[in-house]
C-alpha atoms as a PDB file:
ATOM      1  CA  MET A   1      43.994 -13.837  16.180  1.00  0.00           C
ATOM      2  CA  TRP A   2      40.700 -16.382  15.495  1.00  0.00           C
ATOM      3  CA  THR A   3      41.653 -19.851  16.051  1.00  0.00           C
ATOM      4  CA  MET A   4      39.003 -22.357  14.712  1.00  0.00           C
ATOM      5  CA  PRO A   5      37.665 -24.195  17.467  1.00  0.00           C
ATOM      6  CA  PRO A   6      38.145 -27.614  18.748  1.00  0.00           C
ATOM      7  CA  VAL A   7      34.567 -28.790  18.494  1.00  0.00           C
ATOM      8  CA  ASP A   8      33.404 -30.913  15.274  1.00  0.00           C
ATOM      9  CA  TYR A   9      30.578 -29.164  13.332  1.00  0.00           C
ATOM     10  CA  ILE A  10      27.667 -30.244  11.321  1.00  0.00           C
ATOM     11  CA  GLU A  11      27.614 -27.498   8.664  1.00  0.00           C
ATOM     12  CA  PRO A  12      25.681 -25.265   7.661  1.00  0.00           C
ATOM     13  CA  LEU A  13      26.132 -23.210  11.185  1.00  0.00           C
ATOM     14  CA  PHE A  14      23.750 -20.156  12.152  1.00  0.00           C
ATOM     15  CA  ARG A  15      23.823 -17.973  14.852  1.00  0.00           C
ATOM     16  CA  PRO A  16      21.964 -14.577  15.896  1.00  0.00           C
ATOM     17  CA  PRO A  17      23.780 -11.477  14.345  1.00  0.00           C
ATOM     18  CA  SER A  18      24.951 -10.809  18.240  1.00  0.00           C
ATOM     19  CA  GLU A  19      26.763 -13.994  18.886  1.00  0.00           C
ATOM     20  CA  ALA A  20      29.246 -13.389  16.201  1.00  0.00           C
ATOM     21  CA  HIS A  21      32.081 -13.336  18.395  1.00  0.00           C
ATOM     22  CA  SER A  22      30.774 -16.163  20.757  1.00  0.00           C
ATOM     23  CA  LEU A  23      32.200 -19.904  20.854  1.00  0.00           C
ATOM     24  CA  ILE A  24      29.578 -22.117  19.226  1.00  0.00           C
ATOM     25  CA  LEU A  25      29.095 -25.457  20.780  1.00  0.00           C
ATOM     26  CA  GLN A  26      26.365 -27.615  18.897  1.00  0.00           C
ATOM     27  CA  VAL A  27      24.637 -29.614  21.354  1.00  0.00           C
ATOM     28  CA  THR A  28      22.101 -30.456  18.418  1.00  0.00           C
ATOM     29  CA  ASN A  29      21.782 -31.012  14.749  1.00  0.00           C
ATOM     30  CA  GLY A  30      18.813 -29.329  12.744  1.00  0.00           C
ATOM     31  CA  CYS A  31      16.010 -28.055  14.763  1.00  0.00           C
ATOM     32  CA  SER A  32      13.701 -30.298  16.854  1.00  0.00           C
ATOM     33  CA  TRP A  33      10.147 -28.583  14.965  1.00  0.00           C
ATOM     34  CA  ASN A  34      11.728 -27.700  11.775  1.00  0.00           C
ATOM     35  CA  ARG A  35       8.028 -27.289   9.387  1.00  0.00           C
ATOM     36  CA  CYS A  36       7.812 -23.539   9.617  1.00  0.00           C
ATOM     37  CA  VAL A  37       7.454 -23.075   6.171  1.00  0.00           C
ATOM     38  CA  TYR A  38       9.237 -19.854   5.957  1.00  0.00           C
ATOM     39  CA  CYS A  39      12.526 -21.244   7.105  1.00  0.00           C
ATOM     40  CA  GLU A  40      14.897 -22.563   5.345  1.00  0.00           C
ATOM     41  CA  MET A  41      18.073 -22.963   7.366  1.00  0.00           C
ATOM     42  CA  TYR A  42      17.495 -26.995   8.347  1.00  0.00           C
ATOM     43  CA  THR A  43      16.612 -27.953   5.125  1.00  0.00           C
ATOM     44  CA  GLN A  44      19.197 -29.863   4.072  1.00  0.00           C
ATOM     45  CA  PRO A  45      19.291 -33.575   4.335  1.00  0.00           C
ATOM     46  CA  GLN A  46      22.108 -33.109   6.565  1.00  0.00           C
ATOM     47  CA  LYS A  47      20.715 -30.952   9.466  1.00  0.00           C
ATOM     48  CA  LYS A  48      18.315 -33.840  10.276  1.00  0.00           C
ATOM     49  CA  PHE A  49      17.235 -33.156  14.169  1.00  0.00           C
ATOM     50  CA  LYS A  50      19.873 -35.209  16.201  1.00  0.00           C
ATOM     51  CA  PRO A  51      20.883 -34.305  19.916  1.00  0.00           C
ATOM     52  CA  LYS A  52      25.037 -34.534  20.008  1.00  0.00           C
ATOM     53  CA  SER A  53      25.865 -37.445  22.395  1.00  0.00           C
ATOM     54  CA  GLU A  54      26.575 -36.356  26.034  1.00  0.00           C
ATOM     55  CA  LYS A  55      29.435 -37.950  25.665  1.00  0.00           C
ATOM     56  CA  GLU A  56      30.797 -36.055  22.929  1.00  0.00           C
ATOM     57  CA  ILE A  57      29.651 -32.582  24.078  1.00  0.00           C
ATOM     58  CA  LEU A  58      31.621 -33.067  27.208  1.00  0.00           C
ATOM     59  CA  ALA A  59      34.291 -33.783  25.401  1.00  0.00           C
ATOM     60  CA  GLU A  60      34.535 -31.191  23.307  1.00  0.00           C
ATOM     61  CA  ILE A  61      34.054 -28.572  26.648  1.00  0.00           C
ATOM     62  CA  GLN A  62      37.039 -29.986  28.187  1.00  0.00           C
ATOM     63  CA  ARG A  63      38.905 -29.499  24.513  1.00  0.00           C
ATOM     64  CA  CYS A  64      37.989 -25.975  24.888  1.00  0.00           C
ATOM     65  CA  GLY A  65      38.776 -25.540  27.948  1.00  0.00           C
ATOM     66  CA  GLU A  66      42.204 -26.394  27.224  1.00  0.00           C
ATOM     67  CA  GLN A  67      42.765 -24.483  23.784  1.00  0.00           C
ATOM     68  CA  LEU A  68      40.458 -21.461  24.205  1.00  0.00           C
ATOM     69  CA  PRO A  69      40.640 -20.498  28.345  1.00  0.00           C
ATOM     70  CA  ASN A  70      39.711 -17.015  27.919  1.00  0.00           C
ATOM     71  CA  THR A  71      36.441 -17.615  26.286  1.00  0.00           C
ATOM     72  CA  ARG A  72      33.554 -15.440  27.621  1.00  0.00           C
ATOM     73  CA  ARG A  73      30.624 -16.279  25.894  1.00  0.00           C
ATOM     74  CA  ILE A  74      28.952 -19.524  24.228  1.00  0.00           C
ATOM     75  CA  PHE A  75      25.988 -19.517  21.921  1.00  0.00           C
ATOM     76  CA  LEU A  76      24.686 -23.442  22.066  1.00  0.00           C
ATOM     77  CA  ALA A  77      23.341 -24.632  18.842  1.00  0.00           C
ATOM     78  CA  ASP A  78      21.562 -25.440  16.352  1.00  0.00           C
ATOM     79  CA  GLY A  79      17.834 -24.412  16.325  1.00  0.00           C
ATOM     80  CA  ASP A  80      16.753 -25.319  19.658  1.00  0.00           C
ATOM     81  CA  ALA A  81      19.262 -26.691  22.305  1.00  0.00           C
ATOM     82  CA  MET A  82      16.269 -26.742  24.967  1.00  0.00           C
ATOM     83  CA  ALA A  83      14.666 -29.544  23.325  1.00  0.00           C
ATOM     84  CA  LEU A  84      17.148 -31.010  25.723  1.00  0.00           C
ATOM     85  CA  SER A  85      15.721 -32.503  29.073  1.00  0.00           C
ATOM     86  CA  PHE A  86      16.968 -30.998  31.757  1.00  0.00           C
ATOM     87  CA  ARG A  87      19.358 -33.283  33.260  1.00  0.00           C
ATOM     88  CA  ARG A  88      21.234 -32.804  29.720  1.00  0.00           C
ATOM     89  CA  LEU A  89      21.718 -29.167  30.048  1.00  0.00           C
ATOM     90  CA  LYS A  90      22.394 -29.012  33.696  1.00  0.00           C
ATOM     91  CA  SER A  91      25.469 -31.575  32.455  1.00  0.00           C
ATOM     92  CA  ILE A  92      26.638 -29.383  29.699  1.00  0.00           C
ATOM     93  CA  LEU A  93      26.244 -26.400  32.048  1.00  0.00           C
ATOM     94  CA  GLU A  94      28.195 -27.456  34.371  1.00  0.00           C
ATOM     95  CA  ALA A  95      31.197 -28.941  31.963  1.00  0.00           C
ATOM     96  CA  ILE A  96      31.347 -25.277  31.137  1.00  0.00           C
ATOM     97  CA  LYS A  97      31.535 -23.733  34.140  1.00  0.00           C
ATOM     98  CA  GLN A  98      34.220 -26.204  35.266  1.00  0.00           C
ATOM     99  CA  HIS A  99      36.312 -26.056  31.979  1.00  0.00           C
ATOM    100  CA  LEU A 100      35.859 -22.715  31.029  1.00  0.00           C
ATOM    101  CA  PRO A 101      35.117 -20.702  33.939  1.00  0.00           C
ATOM    102  CA  LYS A 102      35.619 -17.554  32.601  1.00  0.00           C
ATOM    103  CA  VAL A 103      32.385 -17.689  30.555  1.00  0.00           C
ATOM    104  CA  SER A 104      29.735 -15.016  31.478  1.00  0.00           C
ATOM    105  CA  ARG A 105      27.132 -15.797  29.279  1.00  0.00           C
ATOM    106  CA  ILE A 106      25.756 -18.665  27.502  1.00  0.00           C
ATOM    107  CA  THR A 107      22.771 -18.511  25.342  1.00  0.00           C
ATOM    108  CA  ALA A 108      20.514 -20.368  22.471  1.00  0.00           C
ATOM    109  CA  TYR A 109      17.587 -20.497  19.995  1.00  0.00           C
ATOM    110  CA  CYS A 110      14.597 -21.418  21.622  1.00  0.00           C
ATOM    111  CA  LEU A 111      10.940 -22.962  21.396  1.00  0.00           C
ATOM    112  CA  PRO A 112       8.304 -21.824  23.914  1.00  0.00           C
ATOM    113  CA  SER A 113       7.171 -25.304  23.176  1.00  0.00           C
ATOM    114  CA  ASN A 114      10.411 -26.385  24.317  1.00  0.00           C
ATOM    115  CA  VAL A 115       9.824 -24.270  27.461  1.00  0.00           C
ATOM    116  CA  LYS A 116       6.920 -25.974  28.487  1.00  0.00           C
ATOM    117  CA  LYS A 117       8.607 -29.682  29.387  1.00  0.00           C
ATOM    118  CA  LYS A 118      10.564 -27.501  31.873  1.00  0.00           C
ATOM    119  CA  THR A 119       9.710 -26.254  35.179  1.00  0.00           C
ATOM    120  CA  VAL A 120      10.627 -22.706  36.634  1.00  0.00           C
ATOM    121  CA  GLU A 121      12.537 -24.333  39.306  1.00  0.00           C
ATOM    122  CA  GLU A 122      14.868 -26.442  36.665  1.00  0.00           C
ATOM    123  CA  LEU A 123      15.057 -23.507  34.318  1.00  0.00           C
ATOM    124  CA  THR A 124      16.101 -20.961  37.262  1.00  0.00           C
ATOM    125  CA  GLU A 125      18.407 -23.445  38.116  1.00  0.00           C
ATOM    126  CA  LEU A 126      19.846 -23.512  34.350  1.00  0.00           C
ATOM    127  CA  LYS A 127      20.424 -20.032  35.229  1.00  0.00           C
ATOM    128  CA  SER A 128      21.924 -20.334  38.166  1.00  0.00           C
ATOM    129  CA  LEU A 129      24.469 -22.299  35.983  1.00  0.00           C
ATOM    130  CA  GLY A 130      25.027 -19.379  33.185  1.00  0.00           C
ATOM    131  CA  LEU A 131      22.255 -19.723  31.062  1.00  0.00           C
ATOM    132  CA  SER A 132      21.528 -16.407  30.703  1.00  0.00           C
ATOM    133  CA  MET A 133      19.520 -15.162  27.368  1.00  0.00           C
ATOM    134  CA  LEU A 134      17.356 -17.597  24.720  1.00  0.00           C
ATOM    135  CA  TYR A 135      16.185 -16.522  21.133  1.00  0.00           C
ATOM    136  CA  ILE A 136      13.227 -16.959  20.769  1.00  0.00           C
ATOM    137  CA  GLY A 137      11.348 -16.281  16.999  1.00  0.00           C
ATOM    138  CA  VAL A 138       8.087 -15.664  17.946  1.00  0.00           C
ATOM    139  CA  GLU A 139       7.390 -14.212  14.512  1.00  0.00           C
ATOM    140  CA  THR A 140       3.740 -13.544  15.373  1.00  0.00           C
ATOM    141  CA  GLY A 141       1.236 -13.332  18.131  1.00  0.00           C
ATOM    142  CA  ASP A 142      -1.840 -14.288  15.769  1.00  0.00           C
ATOM    143  CA  ASP A 143      -3.080 -17.732  15.746  1.00  0.00           C
ATOM    144  CA  GLU A 144      -4.196 -18.162  12.276  1.00  0.00           C
ATOM    145  CA  LEU A 145      -0.788 -17.022  11.089  1.00  0.00           C
ATOM    146  CA  LEU A 146       0.905 -19.410  13.395  1.00  0.00           C
ATOM    147  CA  THR A 147      -1.311 -22.269  11.860  1.00  0.00           C
ATOM    148  CA  LEU A 148      -0.588 -21.212   8.088  1.00  0.00           C
ATOM    149  CA  ILE A 149       3.141 -20.956   8.874  1.00  0.00           C
ATOM    150  CA  ASP A 150       2.956 -24.391  11.152  1.00  0.00           C
ATOM    151  CA  LYS A 151       4.521 -22.680  13.881  1.00  0.00           C
ATOM    152  CA  GLY A 152       3.526 -25.482  16.257  1.00  0.00           C
ATOM    153  CA  GLU A 153       2.674 -22.726  18.493  1.00  0.00           C
ATOM    154  CA  THR A 154      -0.488 -20.617  19.752  1.00  0.00           C
ATOM    155  CA  TYR A 155      -0.293 -17.166  21.579  1.00  0.00           C
ATOM    156  CA  GLN A 156      -1.163 -19.076  24.414  1.00  0.00           C
ATOM    157  CA  SER A 157       1.843 -21.540  24.349  1.00  0.00           C
ATOM    158  CA  THR A 158       4.417 -18.695  23.537  1.00  0.00           C
ATOM    159  CA  TYR A 159       2.856 -16.383  26.157  1.00  0.00           C
ATOM    160  CA  ASP A 160       3.295 -19.363  28.705  1.00  0.00           C
ATOM    161  CA  GLY A 161       6.943 -19.776  27.453  1.00  0.00           C
ATOM    162  CA  LEU A 162       8.053 -15.969  27.845  1.00  0.00           C
ATOM    163  CA  ILE A 163       6.326 -15.870  30.981  1.00  0.00           C
ATOM    164  CA  LYS A 164       8.034 -18.694  32.685  1.00  0.00           C
ATOM    165  CA  LEU A 165      11.287 -17.822  31.203  1.00  0.00           C
ATOM    166  CA  GLN A 166      10.469 -14.485  32.882  1.00  0.00           C
ATOM    167  CA  ALA A 167       9.673 -16.098  35.869  1.00  0.00           C
ATOM    168  CA  ALA A 168      13.027 -17.925  35.939  1.00  0.00           C
ATOM    169  CA  GLY A 169      15.139 -14.808  35.227  1.00  0.00           C
ATOM    170  CA  ILE A 170      16.746 -15.628  31.927  1.00  0.00           C
ATOM    171  CA  LYS A 171      16.536 -13.052  29.734  1.00  0.00           C
ATOM    172  CA  ARG A 172      13.948 -13.099  26.590  1.00  0.00           C
ATOM    173  CA  SER A 173      15.156 -11.751  22.772  1.00  0.00           C
ATOM    174  CA  VAL A 174      12.115 -12.221  20.779  1.00  0.00           C
ATOM    175  CA  MET A 175      12.332 -12.145  17.174  1.00  0.00           C
ATOM    176  CA  VAL A 176       8.991 -11.152  14.921  1.00  0.00           C
ATOM    177  CA  ILE A 177       9.180 -11.108  11.396  1.00  0.00           C
ATOM    178  CA  ASN A 178       7.132  -7.638   9.327  1.00  0.00           C
ATOM    179  CA  GLY A 179       5.449  -9.001   6.074  1.00  0.00           C
ATOM    180  CA  LEU A 180       4.650 -12.343   7.390  1.00  0.00           C
ATOM    181  CA  GLY A 181       1.329 -12.783   6.624  1.00  0.00           C
ATOM    182  CA  GLY A 182       1.632 -10.931   3.409  1.00  0.00           C
ATOM    183  CA  GLN A 183      -1.243  -7.726   2.444  1.00  0.00           C
ATOM    184  CA  LEU A 184      -4.309  -9.676   3.341  1.00  0.00           C
ATOM    185  CA  TYR A 185      -3.319 -10.653   7.126  1.00  0.00           C
ATOM    186  CA  SER A 186      -1.418  -7.675   7.715  1.00  0.00           C
ATOM    187  CA  GLU A 187      -3.421  -5.760  10.345  1.00  0.00           C
ATOM    188  CA  GLN A 188      -4.068  -8.611  12.567  1.00  0.00           C
ATOM    189  CA  HIS A 189      -0.731  -9.788  12.553  1.00  0.00           C
ATOM    190  CA  ALA A 190       0.346  -5.890  13.844  1.00  0.00           C
ATOM    191  CA  ARG A 191      -1.980  -6.176  16.113  1.00  0.00           C
ATOM    192  CA  GLU A 192      -1.492  -9.259  17.632  1.00  0.00           C
ATOM    193  CA  THR A 193       1.811  -9.331  18.083  1.00  0.00           C
ATOM    194  CA  ALA A 194       2.274  -5.964  19.584  1.00  0.00           C
ATOM    195  CA  ARG A 195      -0.801  -7.688  22.255  1.00  0.00           C
ATOM    196  CA  LEU A 196       1.724 -10.784  22.762  1.00  0.00           C
ATOM    197  CA  MET A 197       4.922  -8.092  22.654  1.00  0.00           C
ATOM    198  CA  ASN A 198       2.780  -6.244  25.563  1.00  0.00           C
ATOM    199  CA  ALA A 199       1.406  -9.140  28.069  1.00  0.00           C
ATOM    200  CA  THR A 200       5.480 -10.555  28.324  1.00  0.00           C
ATOM    201  CA  GLN A 201       7.237  -7.426  28.066  1.00  0.00           C
ATOM    202  CA  PRO A 202      10.398  -8.955  26.450  1.00  0.00           C
ATOM    203  CA  GLU A 203      13.858  -7.328  27.246  1.00  0.00           C
ATOM    204  CA  TYR A 204      14.801  -7.681  24.287  1.00  0.00           C
ATOM    205  CA  LEU A 205      12.543  -7.642  20.871  1.00  0.00           C
ATOM    206  CA  ALA A 206      13.885  -7.479  17.090  1.00  0.00           C
ATOM    207  CA  SER A 207      11.990  -7.510  13.945  1.00  0.00           C
ATOM    208  CA  LEU A 208      13.353  -8.570  10.184  1.00  0.00           C
ATOM    209  CA  VAL A 209      11.927  -9.024   6.820  1.00  0.00           C
ATOM    210  CA  LEU A 210      10.241 -11.679   5.251  1.00  0.00           C
ATOM    211  CA  PHE A 211      12.591 -13.120   3.002  1.00  0.00           C
ATOM    212  CA  PHE A 212      12.928 -16.158   0.626  1.00  0.00           C
ATOM    213  CA  SER A 213      16.648 -17.219  -0.879  1.00  0.00           C
ATOM    214  CA  ASN A 214      15.117 -20.130  -2.286  1.00  0.00           C
ATOM    215  CA  GLY A 215      11.937 -18.438  -3.686  1.00  0.00           C
ATOM    216  CA  ASP A 216       8.272 -18.510  -2.135  1.00  0.00           C
ATOM    217  CA  GLN A 217       6.355 -21.508  -3.812  1.00  0.00           C
ATOM    218  CA  ARG A 218       6.163 -23.460  -0.838  1.00  0.00           C
ATOM    219  CA  TYR A 219       5.100 -20.414   1.303  1.00  0.00           C
ATOM    220  CA  ARG A 220       2.419 -19.824  -1.094  1.00  0.00           C
ATOM    221  CA  GLU A 221       1.074 -23.432  -0.910  1.00  0.00           C
ATOM    222  CA  ALA A 222       0.789 -23.181   2.476  1.00  0.00           C
ATOM    223  CA  PHE A 223      -1.236 -19.905   2.492  1.00  0.00           C
ATOM    224  CA  ASN A 224      -3.591 -21.468  -0.928  1.00  0.00           C
ATOM    225  CA  ASP A 225      -1.961 -18.688  -2.925  1.00  0.00           C
ATOM    226  CA  LYS A 226      -3.717 -16.133  -0.764  1.00  0.00           C
ATOM    227  CA  TYR A 227      -0.078 -14.622  -0.032  1.00  0.00           C
ATOM    228  CA  TYR A 228       0.035 -11.010  -1.539  1.00  0.00           C
ATOM    229  CA  GLY A 229       3.810  -9.839  -0.799  1.00  0.00           C
ATOM    230  CA  MET A 230       4.290  -6.304   0.212  1.00  0.00           C
ATOM    231  CA  ASN A 231       6.207  -3.554  -0.927  1.00  0.00           C
ATOM    232  CA  ASP A 232       8.475  -1.245   1.112  1.00  0.00           C
ATOM    233  CA  ILE A 233       5.616   1.065   2.034  1.00  0.00           C
ATOM    234  CA  GLN A 234       3.563  -1.421   2.842  1.00  0.00           C
ATOM    235  CA  LEU A 235       6.312  -2.981   5.660  1.00  0.00           C
ATOM    236  CA  PHE A 236       6.791   0.576   6.738  1.00  0.00           C
ATOM    237  CA  GLU A 237       3.268   0.699   7.635  1.00  0.00           C
ATOM    238  CA  GLU A 238       2.879  -2.535   9.082  1.00  0.00           C
ATOM    239  CA  MET A 239       5.874  -1.407  11.269  1.00  0.00           C
ATOM    240  CA  GLN A 240       4.177   1.655  11.472  1.00  0.00           C
ATOM    241  CA  GLN A 241       0.722  -0.492  13.344  1.00  0.00           C
ATOM    242  CA  PHE A 242       2.774  -2.473  14.888  1.00  0.00           C
ATOM    243  CA  VAL A 243       5.575  -0.282  16.745  1.00  0.00           C
ATOM    244  CA  GLY A 244       2.437   2.576  17.043  1.00  0.00           C
ATOM    245  CA  ALA A 245       0.216  -0.282  19.017  1.00  0.00           C
ATOM    246  CA  LEU A 246       3.387  -1.520  21.770  1.00  0.00           C
ATOM    247  CA  ASP A 247       3.346  -0.655  25.601  1.00  0.00           C
ATOM    248  CA  LEU A 248       6.641  -1.606  26.547  1.00  0.00           C
ATOM    249  CA  HIS A 249       8.150  -0.184  29.408  1.00  0.00           C
ATOM    250  CA  LYS A 250      12.102  -1.287  29.069  1.00  0.00           C
ATOM    251  CA  THR A 251      12.442  -3.256  25.567  1.00  0.00           C
ATOM    252  CA  ILE A 252      15.475  -2.800  23.798  1.00  0.00           C
ATOM    253  CA  PHE A 253      14.548  -2.784  20.118  1.00  0.00           C
ATOM    254  CA  ARG A 254      16.203  -3.393  16.933  1.00  0.00           C
ATOM    255  CA  SER A 255      14.993  -3.522  13.217  1.00  0.00           C
ATOM    256  CA  ASP A 256      18.205  -4.067  11.563  1.00  0.00           C
ATOM    257  CA  HIS A 257      18.535  -7.175  10.309  1.00  0.00           C
ATOM    258  CA  ALA A 258      20.022  -7.547   7.181  1.00  0.00           C
ATOM    259  CA  SER A 259      16.547  -7.886   5.326  1.00  0.00           C
ATOM    260  CA  ASN A 260      15.363  -4.533   6.868  1.00  0.00           C
ATOM    261  CA  VAL A 261      15.497  -1.635   4.147  1.00  0.00           C
ATOM    262  CA  LEU A 262      14.813   0.695   7.053  1.00  0.00           C
ATOM    263  CA  VAL A 263      16.762   0.449   9.825  1.00  0.00           C
ATOM    264  CA  LEU A 264      15.711   1.323  13.296  1.00  0.00           C
ATOM    265  CA  LYS A 265      17.034   0.984  17.012  1.00  0.00           C
ATOM    266  CA  GLY A 266      15.420   2.294  20.330  1.00  0.00           C
ATOM    267  CA  VAL A 267      14.883   1.131  23.857  1.00  0.00           C
ATOM    268  CA  LEU A 268      10.591   1.217  23.988  1.00  0.00           C
ATOM    269  CA  GLY A 269       8.860   2.899  25.428  1.00  0.00           C
ATOM    270  CA  ALA A 270      11.235   5.963  25.927  1.00  0.00           C
ATOM    271  CA  ASP A 271      12.155   6.059  22.100  1.00  0.00           C
ATOM    272  CA  LYS A 272       8.197   5.407  20.700  1.00  0.00           C
ATOM    273  CA  THR A 273       7.763   8.749  19.360  1.00  0.00           C
ATOM    274  CA  ARG A 274      11.168   9.185  17.271  1.00  0.00           C
ATOM    275  CA  LEU A 275      10.586   5.220  15.849  1.00  0.00           C
ATOM    276  CA  LEU A 276       7.434   6.110  14.685  1.00  0.00           C
ATOM    277  CA  ASP A 277       8.317   9.332  13.416  1.00  0.00           C
ATOM    278  CA  GLN A 278      11.055   7.768  11.681  1.00  0.00           C
ATOM    279  CA  LEU A 279       8.334   5.893  10.558  1.00  0.00           C
ATOM    280  CA  ASN A 280       5.907   7.935   8.979  1.00  0.00           C
ATOM    281  CA  ALA A 281       8.585   9.716   7.312  1.00  0.00           C
ATOM    282  CA  ALA A 282       9.531   6.525   5.574  1.00  0.00           C
ATOM    283  CA  VAL A 283       5.880   6.402   4.357  1.00  0.00           C
ATOM    284  CA  ALA A 284       6.174   9.882   3.401  1.00  0.00           C
ATOM    285  CA  GLY A 285       8.597   9.449   1.105  1.00  0.00           C
ATOM    286  CA  GLU A 286      11.140  12.089   2.561  1.00  0.00           C
ATOM    287  CA  SER A 287      14.373  12.104   1.242  1.00  0.00           C
ATOM    288  CA  SER A 288      16.186  12.756   5.131  1.00  0.00           C
ATOM    289  CA  VAL A 289      15.051   9.279   5.719  1.00  0.00           C
ATOM    290  CA  PHE A 290      18.035   6.783   4.841  1.00  0.00           C
ATOM    291  CA  LEU A 291      16.590   3.339   3.354  1.00  0.00           C
ATOM    292  CA  ARG A 292      19.215   0.688   2.387  1.00  0.00           C
ATOM    293  CA  HIS A 293      19.717  -0.199  -1.408  1.00  0.00           C
ATOM    294  CA  SER A 294      19.031  -3.751  -2.508  1.00  0.00           C
ATOM    295  CA  SER A 295      22.952  -4.381  -3.018  1.00  0.00           C
ATOM    296  CA  ASP A 296      23.375  -3.881   1.180  1.00  0.00           C
ATOM    297  CA  ARG A 297      20.987  -6.131   2.485  1.00  0.00           C
ATOM    298  CA  SER A 298      22.963  -9.375   1.816  1.00  0.00           C
ATOM    299  CA  LEU A 299      20.449 -12.196   2.553  1.00  0.00           C
END
């Protein structure tokens, strides 16, 4: 039976789908960047970025150890726990190890720019203390698009962050966005994102589809009204180009977010041909391809 953790949350909380059964420790409130024009996650006034006090976090970890001693997985929220200093992160991980010794997996969201502030040696130490994987919203490898969406990153800064994490032995779960640039930027988005993935070889790669719960006016303004949305076939064609250009050795690939019409799952490159066959069939409109109905895409 689920038990409410003894943690003081500032809601709303967000987590990756794969962290559904993890204990959420909110070590910061909001996102340290929070300027990406596509993102609606931390726009509420109560989500202004602020680290939670170290004293409060350590007390919460101790309470969790007393009340939830069998916890095995922890997700460090909110938008970018890696914005915290190495010293603060080390203190949190050491406390988890002391009070929740059964924990075998600790994860967090991560911006590449915040990895830059930590050395490989520091990251390796965090790994040894239990930080096993980071979720990185890469979105695209195209510098022009990264500027338009105000990501605060470049191809090079993202590459550097992903390679540094690899050197430290921390697994990387990368997220990219199908349709991010609309019709006008589709080709360069697919090409440059595939180039970045090939250069960094992430352990996990996920693709979701650009969507807006509160309308796309802010997005269109960022693109100077040169954003032209894509229909399902155009999104499939962009994915065709992206997957076709990938040269990955052993990356677990998922395109099964609630925003995806076509669900794709496999290991790249072993399943590349099968995935391309699925995309080809979807583009051709073959009835054998299962497409999610809009009512099943709970965004």
